[in-house]
mmCIF file of all heavy atoms, coordinates in Angstrom:
data_MODEL
# 
_entry.id   MODEL 
# 
loop_
_atom_site.group_PDB 
_atom_site.id 
_atom_site.type_symbol 
_atom_site.label_atom_id 
_atom_site.label_alt_id 
_atom_site.label_comp_id 
_atom_site.label_asym_id 
_atom_site.label_entity_id 
_atom_site.label_seq_id 
_atom_site.pdbx_PDB_ins_code 
_atom_site.Cartn_x 
_atom_site.Cartn_y 
_atom_site.Cartn_z 
_atom_site.occupancy 
_atom_site.B_iso_or_equiv 
_atom_site.pdbx_formal_charge 
_atom_site.auth_seq_id 
_atom_site.auth_comp_id 
_atom_site.auth_asym_id 
_atom_site.auth_atom_id 
_atom_site.pdbx_PDB_model_num 
ATOM 1   N N   . SER A 1 1  ? 17.134  -4.112 2.816   1.00 0.00 ? 1  SER A N   1 
ATOM 2   C CA  . SER A 1 1  ? 17.844  -3.215 3.742   1.00 0.00 ? 1  SER A CA  1 
ATOM 3   C C   . SER A 1 1  ? 16.884  -2.464 4.596   1.00 0.00 ? 1  SER A C   1 
ATOM 4   O O   . SER A 1 1  ? 16.903  -1.247 4.735   1.00 0.00 ? 1  SER A O   1 
ATOM 5   C CB  . SER A 1 1  ? 18.781  -2.249 3.022   1.00 0.00 ? 1  SER A CB  1 
ATOM 6   O OG  . SER A 1 1  ? 19.699  -2.968 2.279   1.00 0.00 ? 1  SER A OG  1 
ATOM 7   N N   . LEU A 1 2  ? 15.918  -3.144 5.133   1.00 0.00 ? 2  LEU A N   1 
ATOM 8   C CA  . LEU A 1 2  ? 14.813  -2.498 5.826   1.00 0.00 ? 2  LEU A CA  1 
ATOM 9   C C   . LEU A 1 2  ? 15.319  -1.859 7.100   1.00 0.00 ? 2  LEU A C   1 
ATOM 10  O O   . LEU A 1 2  ? 16.219  -2.401 7.810   1.00 0.00 ? 2  LEU A O   1 
ATOM 11  C CB  . LEU A 1 2  ? 13.742  -3.516 6.161   1.00 0.00 ? 2  LEU A CB  1 
ATOM 12  C CG  . LEU A 1 2  ? 12.865  -3.879 4.934   1.00 0.00 ? 2  LEU A CG  1 
ATOM 13  C CD1 . LEU A 1 2  ? 12.132  -5.170 5.158   1.00 0.00 ? 2  LEU A CD1 1 
ATOM 14  C CD2 . LEU A 1 2  ? 11.910  -2.821 4.554   1.00 0.00 ? 2  LEU A CD2 1 
ATOM 15  N N   . THR A 1 3  ? 14.655  -0.777 7.495   1.00 0.00 ? 3  THR A N   1 
ATOM 16  C CA  . THR A 1 3  ? 14.934  -0.099 8.702   1.00 0.00 ? 3  THR A CA  1 
ATOM 17  C C   . THR A 1 3  ? 13.606  0.123  9.487   1.00 0.00 ? 3  THR A C   1 
ATOM 18  O O   . THR A 1 3  ? 12.530  -0.055 8.954   1.00 0.00 ? 3  THR A O   1 
ATOM 19  C CB  . THR A 1 3  ? 15.553  1.307  8.456   1.00 0.00 ? 3  THR A CB  1 
ATOM 20  O OG1 . THR A 1 3  ? 14.540  2.222  8.040   1.00 0.00 ? 3  THR A OG1 1 
ATOM 21  C CG2 . THR A 1 3  ? 16.623  1.230  7.320   1.00 0.00 ? 3  THR A CG2 1 
ATOM 22  N N   . PRO A 1 4  ? 13.790  0.447  10.811  1.00 0.00 ? 4  PRO A N   1 
ATOM 23  C CA  . PRO A 1 4  ? 12.539  0.697  11.510  1.00 0.00 ? 4  PRO A CA  1 
ATOM 24  C C   . PRO A 1 4  ? 11.632  1.797  11.009  1.00 0.00 ? 4  PRO A C   1 
ATOM 25  O O   . PRO A 1 4  ? 10.408  1.727  11.219  1.00 0.00 ? 4  PRO A O   1 
ATOM 26  C CB  . PRO A 1 4  ? 13.076  1.083  12.910  1.00 0.00 ? 4  PRO A CB  1 
ATOM 27  C CG  . PRO A 1 4  ? 14.359  0.356  13.069  1.00 0.00 ? 4  PRO A CG  1 
ATOM 28  C CD  . PRO A 1 4  ? 14.948  0.421  11.676  1.00 0.00 ? 4  PRO A CD  1 
ATOM 29  N N   . GLU A 1 5  ? 12.207  2.645  10.248  1.00 0.00 ? 5  GLU A N   1 
ATOM 30  C CA  . GLU A 1 5  ? 11.394  3.757  9.585   1.00 0.00 ? 5  GLU A CA  1 
ATOM 31  C C   . GLU A 1 5  ? 10.528  3.234  8.477   1.00 0.00 ? 5  GLU A C   1 
ATOM 32  O O   . GLU A 1 5  ? 9.625   4.005  8.037   1.00 0.00 ? 5  GLU A O   1 
ATOM 33  C CB  . GLU A 1 5  ? 12.313  4.851  9.055   1.00 0.00 ? 5  GLU A CB  1 
ATOM 34  C CG  . GLU A 1 5  ? 12.980  5.742  10.152  1.00 0.00 ? 5  GLU A CG  1 
ATOM 35  C CD  . GLU A 1 5  ? 14.015  5.021  10.937  1.00 0.00 ? 5  GLU A CD  1 
ATOM 36  O OE1 . GLU A 1 5  ? 14.808  4.165  10.331  1.00 0.00 ? 5  GLU A OE1 1 
ATOM 37  O OE2 . GLU A 1 5  ? 14.129  5.202  12.160  1.00 0.00 ? 5  GLU A OE2 1 
ATOM 38  N N   . ASP A 1 6  ? 10.714  2.037  8.073   1.00 0.00 ? 6  ASP A N   1 
ATOM 39  C CA  . ASP A 1 6  ? 9.847   1.355  7.059   1.00 0.00 ? 6  ASP A CA  1 
ATOM 40  C C   . ASP A 1 6  ? 8.597   0.738  7.634   1.00 0.00 ? 6  ASP A C   1 
ATOM 41  O O   . ASP A 1 6  ? 7.871   0.267  6.948   1.00 0.00 ? 6  ASP A O   1 
ATOM 42  C CB  . ASP A 1 6  ? 10.675  0.398  6.247   1.00 0.00 ? 6  ASP A CB  1 
ATOM 43  C CG  . ASP A 1 6  ? 11.823  0.994  5.479   1.00 0.00 ? 6  ASP A CG  1 
ATOM 44  O OD1 . ASP A 1 6  ? 11.606  1.977  4.815   1.00 0.00 ? 6  ASP A OD1 1 
ATOM 45  O OD2 . ASP A 1 6  ? 12.910  0.364  5.480   1.00 0.00 ? 6  ASP A OD2 1 
ATOM 46  N N   . THR A 1 7  ? 8.539   0.706  8.990   1.00 0.00 ? 7  THR A N   1 
ATOM 47  C CA  . THR A 1 7  ? 7.443   0.041  9.687   1.00 0.00 ? 7  THR A CA  1 
ATOM 48  C C   . THR A 1 7  ? 6.205   0.897  9.277   1.00 0.00 ? 7  THR A C   1 
ATOM 49  O O   . THR A 1 7  ? 6.103   2.078  9.543   1.00 0.00 ? 7  THR A O   1 
ATOM 50  C CB  . THR A 1 7  ? 7.640   0.094  11.157  1.00 0.00 ? 7  THR A CB  1 
ATOM 51  O OG1 . THR A 1 7  ? 8.753   -0.761 11.492  1.00 0.00 ? 7  THR A OG1 1 
ATOM 52  C CG2 . THR A 1 7  ? 6.401   -0.438 11.851  1.00 0.00 ? 7  THR A CG2 1 
ATOM 53  N N   . ALA A 1 8  ? 5.167   0.191  8.768   1.00 0.00 ? 8  ALA A N   1 
ATOM 54  C CA  . ALA A 1 8  ? 3.938   0.865  8.351   1.00 0.00 ? 8  ALA A CA  1 
ATOM 55  C C   . ALA A 1 8  ? 2.963   -0.276 7.821   1.00 0.00 ? 8  ALA A C   1 
ATOM 56  O O   . ALA A 1 8  ? 3.329   -1.419 7.647   1.00 0.00 ? 8  ALA A O   1 
ATOM 57  C CB  . ALA A 1 8  ? 4.237   1.817  7.260   1.00 0.00 ? 8  ALA A CB  1 
ATOM 58  N N   . VAL A 1 9  ? 1.767   0.214  7.659   1.00 0.00 ? 9  VAL A N   1 
ATOM 59  C CA  . VAL A 1 9  ? 0.788   -0.628 6.884   1.00 0.00 ? 9  VAL A CA  1 
ATOM 60  C C   . VAL A 1 9  ? 1.015   -0.280 5.385   1.00 0.00 ? 9  VAL A C   1 
ATOM 61  O O   . VAL A 1 9  ? 0.950   0.871  5.039   1.00 0.00 ? 9  VAL A O   1 
ATOM 62  C CB  . VAL A 1 9  ? -0.632  -0.413 7.361   1.00 0.00 ? 9  VAL A CB  1 
ATOM 63  C CG1 . VAL A 1 9  ? -1.560  -1.248 6.489   1.00 0.00 ? 9  VAL A CG1 1 
ATOM 64  C CG2 . VAL A 1 9  ? -0.802  -0.764 8.749   1.00 0.00 ? 9  VAL A CG2 1 
ATOM 65  N N   . TYR A 1 10 ? 1.218   -1.302 4.571   1.00 0.00 ? 10 TYR A N   1 
ATOM 66  C CA  . TYR A 1 10 ? 1.441   -1.053 3.214   1.00 0.00 ? 10 TYR A CA  1 
ATOM 67  C C   . TYR A 1 10 ? 0.191   -1.368 2.352   1.00 0.00 ? 10 TYR A C   1 
ATOM 68  O O   . TYR A 1 10 ? -0.417  -2.468 2.543   1.00 0.00 ? 10 TYR A O   1 
ATOM 69  C CB  . TYR A 1 10 ? 2.601   -1.879 2.675   1.00 0.00 ? 10 TYR A CB  1 
ATOM 70  C CG  . TYR A 1 10 ? 3.962   -1.351 3.100   1.00 0.00 ? 10 TYR A CG  1 
ATOM 71  C CD1 . TYR A 1 10 ? 4.351   -1.362 4.427   1.00 0.00 ? 10 TYR A CD1 1 
ATOM 72  C CD2 . TYR A 1 10 ? 4.794   -0.660 2.180   1.00 0.00 ? 10 TYR A CD2 1 
ATOM 73  C CE1 . TYR A 1 10 ? 5.577   -0.839 4.812   1.00 0.00 ? 10 TYR A CE1 1 
ATOM 74  C CE2 . TYR A 1 10 ? 6.002   -0.186 2.576   1.00 0.00 ? 10 TYR A CE2 1 
ATOM 75  C CZ  . TYR A 1 10 ? 6.416   -0.266 3.893   1.00 0.00 ? 10 TYR A CZ  1 
ATOM 76  O OH  . TYR A 1 10 ? 7.584   0.253  4.244   1.00 0.00 ? 10 TYR A OH  1 
ATOM 77  N N   . TYR A 1 11 ? -0.239  -0.564 1.461   1.00 0.00 ? 11 TYR A N   1 
ATOM 78  C CA  . TYR A 1 11 ? -1.366  -0.683 0.672   1.00 0.00 ? 11 TYR A CA  1 
ATOM 79  C C   . TYR A 1 11 ? -1.018  -0.661 -0.839  1.00 0.00 ? 11 TYR A C   1 
ATOM 80  O O   . TYR A 1 11 ? -0.176  0.108  -1.189  1.00 0.00 ? 11 TYR A O   1 
ATOM 81  C CB  . TYR A 1 11 ? -2.399  0.457  0.895   1.00 0.00 ? 11 TYR A CB  1 
ATOM 82  C CG  . TYR A 1 11 ? -2.831  0.622  2.275   1.00 0.00 ? 11 TYR A CG  1 
ATOM 83  C CD1 . TYR A 1 11 ? -2.120  1.446  3.143   1.00 0.00 ? 11 TYR A CD1 1 
ATOM 84  C CD2 . TYR A 1 11 ? -4.004  0.016  2.749   1.00 0.00 ? 11 TYR A CD2 1 
ATOM 85  C CE1 . TYR A 1 11 ? -2.566  1.645  4.436   1.00 0.00 ? 11 TYR A CE1 1 
ATOM 86  C CE2 . TYR A 1 11 ? -4.419  0.244  4.028   1.00 0.00 ? 11 TYR A CE2 1 
ATOM 87  C CZ  . TYR A 1 11 ? -3.674  1.005  4.906   1.00 0.00 ? 11 TYR A CZ  1 
ATOM 88  O OH  . TYR A 1 11 ? -4.093  1.218  6.191   1.00 0.00 ? 11 TYR A OH  1 
ATOM 89  N N   . CYS A 1 12 ? -1.746  -1.511 -1.610  1.00 0.00 ? 12 CYS A N   1 
ATOM 90  C CA  . CYS A 1 12 ? -1.546  -1.392 -3.044  1.00 0.00 ? 12 CYS A CA  1 
ATOM 91  C C   . CYS A 1 12 ? -2.844  -0.755 -3.632  1.00 0.00 ? 12 CYS A C   1 
ATOM 92  O O   . CYS A 1 12 ? -3.921  -0.807 -3.070  1.00 0.00 ? 12 CYS A O   1 
ATOM 93  C CB  . CYS A 1 12 ? -1.240  -2.713 -3.720  1.00 0.00 ? 12 CYS A CB  1 
ATOM 94  S SG  . CYS A 1 12 ? -2.519  -4.049 -3.529  1.00 0.00 ? 12 CYS A SG  1 
ATOM 95  N N   . ARG A 1 13 ? -2.615  -0.095 -4.752  1.00 0.00 ? 13 ARG A N   1 
ATOM 96  C CA  . ARG A 1 13 ? -3.726  0.641  -5.463  1.00 0.00 ? 13 ARG A CA  1 
ATOM 97  C C   . ARG A 1 13 ? -3.575  0.529  -6.901  1.00 0.00 ? 13 ARG A C   1 
ATOM 98  O O   . ARG A 1 13 ? -2.483  0.689  -7.471  1.00 0.00 ? 13 ARG A O   1 
ATOM 99  C CB  . ARG A 1 13 ? -3.715  2.061  -4.968  1.00 0.00 ? 13 ARG A CB  1 
ATOM 100 C CG  . ARG A 1 13 ? -4.828  2.956  -5.621  1.00 0.00 ? 13 ARG A CG  1 
ATOM 101 C CD  . ARG A 1 13 ? -4.440  4.443  -5.393  1.00 0.00 ? 13 ARG A CD  1 
ATOM 102 N NE  . ARG A 1 13 ? -5.450  5.338  -5.851  1.00 0.00 ? 13 ARG A NE  1 
ATOM 103 C CZ  . ARG A 1 13 ? -5.327  6.622  -6.029  1.00 0.00 ? 13 ARG A CZ  1 
ATOM 104 N NH1 . ARG A 1 13 ? -4.152  7.232  -5.768  1.00 0.00 ? 13 ARG A NH1 1 
ATOM 105 N NH2 . ARG A 1 13 ? -6.345  7.361  -6.436  1.00 0.00 ? 13 ARG A NH2 1 
ATOM 106 N N   . SER A 1 14 ? -4.668  0.327  -7.582  1.00 0.00 ? 14 SER A N   1 
ATOM 107 C CA  . SER A 1 14 ? -4.731  0.403  -9.049  1.00 0.00 ? 14 SER A CA  1 
ATOM 108 C C   . SER A 1 14 ? -5.735  1.447  -9.423  1.00 0.00 ? 14 SER A C   1 
ATOM 109 O O   . SER A 1 14 ? -6.855  1.461  -8.991  1.00 0.00 ? 14 SER A O   1 
ATOM 110 C CB  . SER A 1 14 ? -5.194  -0.987 -9.654  1.00 0.00 ? 14 SER A CB  1 
ATOM 111 O OG  . SER A 1 14 ? -5.351  -0.906 -11.022 1.00 0.00 ? 14 SER A OG  1 
ATOM 112 N N   . ASN A 1 15 ? -5.287  2.438  -10.237 1.00 0.00 ? 15 ASN A N   1 
ATOM 113 C CA  . ASN A 1 15 ? -6.163  3.585  -10.514 1.00 0.00 ? 15 ASN A CA  1 
ATOM 114 C C   . ASN A 1 15 ? -5.913  4.025  -12.031 1.00 0.00 ? 15 ASN A C   1 
ATOM 115 O O   . ASN A 1 15 ? -4.824  3.895  -12.543 1.00 0.00 ? 15 ASN A O   1 
ATOM 116 C CB  . ASN A 1 15 ? -5.901  4.699  -9.588  1.00 0.00 ? 15 ASN A CB  1 
ATOM 117 C CG  . ASN A 1 15 ? -4.519  5.306  -9.655  1.00 0.00 ? 15 ASN A CG  1 
ATOM 118 O OD1 . ASN A 1 15 ? -3.549  4.733  -9.341  1.00 0.00 ? 15 ASN A OD1 1 
ATOM 119 N ND2 . ASN A 1 15 ? -4.410  6.571  -10.158 1.00 0.00 ? 15 ASN A ND2 1 
ATOM 120 N N   . GLY A 1 16 ? -6.906  4.614  -12.517 1.00 0.00 ? 16 GLY A N   1 
ATOM 121 C CA  . GLY A 1 16 ? -6.874  5.161  -13.825 1.00 0.00 ? 16 GLY A CA  1 
ATOM 122 C C   . GLY A 1 16 ? -8.261  5.743  -14.259 1.00 0.00 ? 16 GLY A C   1 
ATOM 123 O O   . GLY A 1 16 ? -9.055  6.086  -13.347 1.00 0.00 ? 16 GLY A O   1 
ATOM 124 N N   . TYR A 1 17 ? -8.516  5.815  -15.504 1.00 0.00 ? 17 TYR A N   1 
ATOM 125 C CA  . TYR A 1 17 ? -9.770  6.319  -15.945 1.00 0.00 ? 17 TYR A CA  1 
ATOM 126 C C   . TYR A 1 17 ? -10.987 5.493  -15.473 1.00 0.00 ? 17 TYR A C   1 
ATOM 127 O O   . TYR A 1 17 ? -11.052 4.271  -15.802 1.00 0.00 ? 17 TYR A O   1 
ATOM 128 C CB  . TYR A 1 17 ? -9.790  6.433  -17.434 1.00 0.00 ? 17 TYR A CB  1 
ATOM 129 C CG  . TYR A 1 17 ? -11.085 6.994  -18.035 1.00 0.00 ? 17 TYR A CG  1 
ATOM 130 C CD1 . TYR A 1 17 ? -11.527 8.320  -17.788 1.00 0.00 ? 17 TYR A CD1 1 
ATOM 131 C CD2 . TYR A 1 17 ? -11.863 6.131  -18.898 1.00 0.00 ? 17 TYR A CD2 1 
ATOM 132 C CE1 . TYR A 1 17 ? -12.662 8.805  -18.344 1.00 0.00 ? 17 TYR A CE1 1 
ATOM 133 C CE2 . TYR A 1 17 ? -13.008 6.650  -19.433 1.00 0.00 ? 17 TYR A CE2 1 
ATOM 134 C CZ  . TYR A 1 17 ? -13.346 7.948  -19.174 1.00 0.00 ? 17 TYR A CZ  1 
ATOM 135 O OH  . TYR A 1 17 ? -14.575 8.455  -19.682 1.00 0.00 ? 17 TYR A OH  1 
ATOM 136 N N   . ARG A 1 18 ? -11.836 6.124  -14.718 1.00 0.00 ? 18 ARG A N   1 
ATOM 137 C CA  . ARG A 1 18 ? -13.014 5.457  -14.127 1.00 0.00 ? 18 ARG A CA  1 
ATOM 138 C C   . ARG A 1 18 ? -12.607 4.127  -13.381 1.00 0.00 ? 18 ARG A C   1 
ATOM 139 O O   . ARG A 1 18 ? -13.348 3.130  -13.446 1.00 0.00 ? 18 ARG A O   1 
ATOM 140 C CB  . ARG A 1 18 ? -14.056 5.167  -15.221 1.00 0.00 ? 18 ARG A CB  1 
ATOM 141 C CG  . ARG A 1 18 ? -14.588 6.420  -15.884 1.00 0.00 ? 18 ARG A CG  1 
ATOM 142 C CD  . ARG A 1 18 ? -15.533 6.110  -16.932 1.00 0.00 ? 18 ARG A CD  1 
ATOM 143 N NE  . ARG A 1 18 ? -16.711 5.410  -16.540 1.00 0.00 ? 18 ARG A NE  1 
ATOM 144 C CZ  . ARG A 1 18 ? -17.835 5.983  -16.054 1.00 0.00 ? 18 ARG A CZ  1 
ATOM 145 N NH1 . ARG A 1 18 ? -17.910 7.291  -16.000 1.00 0.00 ? 18 ARG A NH1 1 
ATOM 146 N NH2 . ARG A 1 18 ? -18.841 5.279  -15.703 1.00 0.00 ? 18 ARG A NH2 1 
ATOM 147 N N   . HIS A 1 19 ? -11.514 4.153  -12.713 1.00 0.00 ? 19 HIS A N   1 
ATOM 148 C CA  . HIS A 1 19 ? -11.058 2.983  -12.000 1.00 0.00 ? 19 HIS A CA  1 
ATOM 149 C C   . HIS A 1 19 ? -10.155 3.454  -10.825 1.00 0.00 ? 19 HIS A C   1 
ATOM 150 O O   . HIS A 1 19 ? -9.266  4.195  -10.986 1.00 0.00 ? 19 HIS A O   1 
ATOM 151 C CB  . HIS A 1 19 ? -10.222 2.187  -12.983 1.00 0.00 ? 19 HIS A CB  1 
ATOM 152 C CG  . HIS A 1 19 ? -9.563  1.009  -12.332 1.00 0.00 ? 19 HIS A CG  1 
ATOM 153 N ND1 . HIS A 1 19 ? -10.240 -0.175 -12.074 1.00 0.00 ? 19 HIS A ND1 1 
ATOM 154 C CD2 . HIS A 1 19 ? -8.261  0.823  -11.925 1.00 0.00 ? 19 HIS A CD2 1 
ATOM 155 C CE1 . HIS A 1 19 ? -9.339  -1.073 -11.553 1.00 0.00 ? 19 HIS A CE1 1 
ATOM 156 N NE2 . HIS A 1 19 ? -8.136  -0.455 -11.458 1.00 0.00 ? 19 HIS A NE2 1 
ATOM 157 N N   . ASP A 1 20 ? -10.515 2.941  -9.610  1.00 0.00 ? 20 ASP A N   1 
ATOM 158 C CA  . ASP A 1 20 ? -9.707  3.188  -8.506  1.00 0.00 ? 20 ASP A CA  1 
ATOM 159 C C   . ASP A 1 20 ? -9.981  2.126  -7.402  1.00 0.00 ? 20 ASP A C   1 
ATOM 160 O O   . ASP A 1 20 ? -11.080 2.066  -6.879  1.00 0.00 ? 20 ASP A O   1 
ATOM 161 C CB  . ASP A 1 20 ? -10.058 4.571  -7.871  1.00 0.00 ? 20 ASP A CB  1 
ATOM 162 C CG  . ASP A 1 20 ? -9.056  5.045  -6.811  1.00 0.00 ? 20 ASP A CG  1 
ATOM 163 O OD1 . ASP A 1 20 ? -8.079  4.286  -6.475  1.00 0.00 ? 20 ASP A OD1 1 
ATOM 164 O OD2 . ASP A 1 20 ? -9.211  6.116  -6.311  1.00 0.00 ? 20 ASP A OD2 1 
ATOM 165 N N   . VAL A 1 21 ? -9.009  1.221  -7.231  1.00 0.00 ? 21 VAL A N   1 
ATOM 166 C CA  . VAL A 1 21 ? -9.194  0.120  -6.338  1.00 0.00 ? 21 VAL A CA  1 
ATOM 167 C C   . VAL A 1 21 ? -8.045  0.023  -5.339  1.00 0.00 ? 21 VAL A C   1 
ATOM 168 O O   . VAL A 1 21 ? -6.914  0.212  -5.746  1.00 0.00 ? 21 VAL A O   1 
ATOM 169 C CB  . VAL A 1 21 ? -9.327  -1.261 -7.102  1.00 0.00 ? 21 VAL A CB  1 
ATOM 170 C CG1 . VAL A 1 21 ? -9.473  -2.438 -6.192  1.00 0.00 ? 21 VAL A CG1 1 
ATOM 171 C CG2 . VAL A 1 21 ? -10.424 -1.160 -8.126  1.00 0.00 ? 21 VAL A CG2 1 
ATOM 172 N N   . TRP A 1 22 ? -8.405  -0.110 -4.079  1.00 0.00 ? 22 TRP A N   1 
ATOM 173 C CA  . TRP A 1 22 ? -7.401  -0.223 -3.016  1.00 0.00 ? 22 TRP A CA  1 
ATOM 174 C C   . TRP A 1 22 ? -7.481  -1.557 -2.346  1.00 0.00 ? 22 TRP A C   1 
ATOM 175 O O   . TRP A 1 22 ? -8.642  -2.158 -2.219  1.00 0.00 ? 22 TRP A O   1 
ATOM 176 C CB  . TRP A 1 22 ? -7.645  0.814  -1.936  1.00 0.00 ? 22 TRP A CB  1 
ATOM 177 C CG  . TRP A 1 22 ? -7.350  2.246  -2.281  1.00 0.00 ? 22 TRP A CG  1 
ATOM 178 C CD1 . TRP A 1 22 ? -8.141  3.072  -3.090  1.00 0.00 ? 22 TRP A CD1 1 
ATOM 179 C CD2 . TRP A 1 22 ? -6.236  2.989  -1.907  1.00 0.00 ? 22 TRP A CD2 1 
ATOM 180 N NE1 . TRP A 1 22 ? -7.588  4.321  -3.143  1.00 0.00 ? 22 TRP A NE1 1 
ATOM 181 C CE2 . TRP A 1 22 ? -6.401  4.270  -2.442  1.00 0.00 ? 22 TRP A CE2 1 
ATOM 182 C CE3 . TRP A 1 22 ? -5.146  2.784  -1.156  1.00 0.00 ? 22 TRP A CE3 1 
ATOM 183 C CZ2 . TRP A 1 22 ? -5.477  5.325  -2.311  1.00 0.00 ? 22 TRP A CZ2 1 
ATOM 184 C CZ3 . TRP A 1 22 ? -4.143  3.763  -0.895  1.00 0.00 ? 22 TRP A CZ3 1 
ATOM 185 C CH2 . TRP A 1 22 ? -4.354  5.023  -1.477  1.00 0.00 ? 22 TRP A CH2 1 
ATOM 186 N N   . GLY A 1 23 ? -6.312  -2.108 -1.912  1.00 0.00 ? 23 GLY A N   1 
ATOM 187 C CA  . GLY A 1 23 ? -6.321  -3.208 -1.026  1.00 0.00 ? 23 GLY A CA  1 
ATOM 188 C C   . GLY A 1 23 ? -6.562  -2.778 0.423   1.00 0.00 ? 23 GLY A C   1 
ATOM 189 O O   . GLY A 1 23 ? -6.570  -1.598 0.761   1.00 0.00 ? 23 GLY A O   1 
ATOM 190 N N   . GLU A 1 24 ? -6.666  -3.772 1.313   1.00 0.00 ? 24 GLU A N   1 
ATOM 191 C CA  . GLU A 1 24 ? -6.986  -3.429 2.708   1.00 0.00 ? 24 GLU A CA  1 
ATOM 192 C C   . GLU A 1 24 ? -5.712  -3.253 3.544   1.00 0.00 ? 24 GLU A C   1 
ATOM 193 O O   . GLU A 1 24 ? -5.760  -2.774 4.669   1.00 0.00 ? 24 GLU A O   1 
ATOM 194 C CB  . GLU A 1 24 ? -7.833  -4.490 3.312   1.00 0.00 ? 24 GLU A CB  1 
ATOM 195 C CG  . GLU A 1 24 ? -9.230  -4.544 2.728   1.00 0.00 ? 24 GLU A CG  1 
ATOM 196 C CD  . GLU A 1 24 ? -10.132 -5.532 3.351   1.00 0.00 ? 24 GLU A CD  1 
ATOM 197 O OE1 . GLU A 1 24 ? -9.632  -6.365 4.193   1.00 0.00 ? 24 GLU A OE1 1 
ATOM 198 O OE2 . GLU A 1 24 ? -11.326 -5.475 3.222   1.00 0.00 ? 24 GLU A OE2 1 
ATOM 199 N N   . GLY A 1 25 ? -4.535  -3.586 2.970   1.00 0.00 ? 25 GLY A N   1 
ATOM 200 C CA  . GLY A 1 25 ? -3.302  -3.328 3.645   1.00 0.00 ? 25 GLY A CA  1 
ATOM 201 C C   . GLY A 1 25 ? -2.646  -4.526 4.289   1.00 0.00 ? 25 GLY A C   1 
ATOM 202 O O   . GLY A 1 25 ? -3.351  -5.484 4.632   1.00 0.00 ? 25 GLY A O   1 
ATOM 203 N N   . THR A 1 26 ? -1.334  -4.479 4.440   1.00 0.00 ? 26 THR A N   1 
ATOM 204 C CA  . THR A 1 26 ? -0.587  -5.541 5.180   1.00 0.00 ? 26 THR A CA  1 
ATOM 205 C C   . THR A 1 26 ? 0.437   -4.905 5.952   1.00 0.00 ? 26 THR A C   1 
ATOM 206 O O   . THR A 1 26 ? 1.086   -3.938 5.621   1.00 0.00 ? 26 THR A O   1 
ATOM 207 C CB  . THR A 1 26 ? 0.022   -6.485 4.146   1.00 0.00 ? 26 THR A CB  1 
ATOM 208 O OG1 . THR A 1 26 ? 0.621   -7.624 4.858   1.00 0.00 ? 26 THR A OG1 1 
ATOM 209 C CG2 . THR A 1 26 ? 1.046   -5.853 3.230   1.00 0.00 ? 26 THR A CG2 1 
ATOM 210 N N   . GLN A 1 27 ? 0.585   -5.333 7.237   1.00 0.00 ? 27 GLN A N   1 
ATOM 211 C CA  . GLN A 1 27 ? 1.486   -4.718 8.160   1.00 0.00 ? 27 GLN A CA  1 
ATOM 212 C C   . GLN A 1 27 ? 2.925   -5.244 7.930   1.00 0.00 ? 27 GLN A C   1 
ATOM 213 O O   . GLN A 1 27 ? 3.196   -6.410 7.905   1.00 0.00 ? 27 GLN A O   1 
ATOM 214 C CB  . GLN A 1 27 ? 1.036   -5.142 9.637   1.00 0.00 ? 27 GLN A CB  1 
ATOM 215 C CG  . GLN A 1 27 ? 1.942   -4.566 10.710  1.00 0.00 ? 27 GLN A CG  1 
ATOM 216 C CD  . GLN A 1 27 ? 1.846   -3.114 10.921  1.00 0.00 ? 27 GLN A CD  1 
ATOM 217 O OE1 . GLN A 1 27 ? 0.806   -2.537 10.980  1.00 0.00 ? 27 GLN A OE1 1 
ATOM 218 N NE2 . GLN A 1 27 ? 3.045   -2.467 10.936  1.00 0.00 ? 27 GLN A NE2 1 
ATOM 219 N N   . VAL A 1 28 ? 3.822   -4.302 7.947   1.00 0.00 ? 28 VAL A N   1 
ATOM 220 C CA  . VAL A 1 28 ? 5.280   -4.557 7.930   1.00 0.00 ? 28 VAL A CA  1 
ATOM 221 C C   . VAL A 1 28 ? 5.867   -3.915 9.210   1.00 0.00 ? 28 VAL A C   1 
ATOM 222 O O   . VAL A 1 28 ? 5.715   -2.706 9.428   1.00 0.00 ? 28 VAL A O   1 
ATOM 223 C CB  . VAL A 1 28 ? 5.886   -3.994 6.646   1.00 0.00 ? 28 VAL A CB  1 
ATOM 224 C CG1 . VAL A 1 28 ? 7.476   -4.097 6.744   1.00 0.00 ? 28 VAL A CG1 1 
ATOM 225 C CG2 . VAL A 1 28 ? 5.414   -4.594 5.404   1.00 0.00 ? 28 VAL A CG2 1 
# 
């Protein structure tokens, strides 16, 4: 049920103790 307000670059992230990794993003 996507709307124009969902338009963005989406990033995933994994984080925790001594750990923080980001992806570079994907455009929606």
